[in-house]
Structures are given as C-alpha cells and as structure tokens.
Amino acid sequence: MSEPEPAVLVDEPVGAPPAGRAAPAPRARDAASPPIQRAAGRRDVPSVYVVGFWKRLAAALVDFAIVVPVALIITFLVSKISGVHLPAKNLKLTDVDMWIDLVLATNPAIVMGIVLFLAIGMIYLFVFHMTLGRTLGMRLLKMKVIDVYGDPPSPARCAARCAGYLASIATLFLGFLWIGFDSEKRGLQDWIAGTYVIRSRGAE
C-alpha cells in the first residue's frame, strides 16, 4: 500500500520527516496574506507565498514570446523538408473563418504545425521545470515551482505537470483560469502534479 501524501501544514512545527522524505512545506498562502504571528517559544517555520493568476499570466506570456519564434522556425524547416505546406491560394493571416475551416478539415499542414507547437512547448516546460524548477518567464518574475514538501519538483512531477498543461488547454484554458478562483492559487496542472507556484527570493 503506497504512503499517503501528507497535507501541507499551516505554520506548524515540523517533526522528523518519514524515511526518505523531506519535511512538509508550510501551507502556501496568497501573496496578499500577512504572515501569521507565532506564539512565544514556538520554532520558526519559513512561510511561502503562492503567486496569483495575473503574475503567472505575465510569466506565461514571456514564455510564449520565447517559444513561438522557435516553434515557427522549426515548423518552417520541417515544412520545407517534408513538402507539407498551407494552401497558398487566397491565404490571409487575418481570415479567422479560413483558419477554422482548415482546422476542421484536418489540413496536414495545420495538424503538423499544432503538433510541433505543442511538442516544442512541452519540451521547453519539462526541461526548465526539471533543471531549474521554473521557466524563464517565472525566473524573470521571481517565482518557482515546489512540491508539497517544499522541494523542487521531481522528473515525475514535471512530466505530470506538462500533462496538466495539455489537460488545461483541452478544457479551453479553464484549467488555467481556475488559478484565479482556487484558495491556494493552484491550476489544474498544479493539482495533477502536486505542486505550488510560489514567490522566490533573490537569485533562488
């Protein structure tokens, strides 16, 4: 029987962790929440502050601005090599109806482009979450990802988090919007992977 995952505590003294486990992190609180006053004589436990929707959206836009040019270049090169192109006749970038028709018709070029964009985005997220515990956008805005024990996410959690991103996209981005309504500011990807996004200090 697998060991149940402990709940994240709220400013409680942490005893000795189970063998092979790190001590649970204190419960993440909204950045607007003031630190809880501790009674005299209680051991000091570091507080963490979760990051809300708008700051995480800003970090996501930075990551998007990094991924999109790379994905466009790779998609263009793959298109040239494979010979799969969009129909050149009457092609208008601002014609929304045309793009919807191409998607519904499962145009090979559109399908290839979507698959490549998603693959490049997931590789970007997985590599940076696994190596740095955050993306470049998160680093710029001073935030990082932790697990329920306060540690950087393991490779398994990073993979689960990437799957959570895909699930959030599949729900028409409702999984991301949930961050704005959740009491712990966690999106679908956080709940799936068992992670929090918190403020980082300095060059952490």
Foldseek 3Di string as FASTA:
>chain_A
DDDDDDAAAAFADWDDDPPPDFTFAHAAAAPPDDRDDDDPPGDGHDYWHFYFQPLVVQLVVVVCVVLVVVLVVVLVVVCVVVVQDDPPPPDDPPPPVVVVVCVVVVRVSVVSSVVSSLVSSLVQQLVCLAPPQDHPSCQVSAKGKAARRRHRAHSVLSNLLSVQVVVCVVVVNVQSVCLNVDRSSHGSSCVRSRMTMTGHDDND
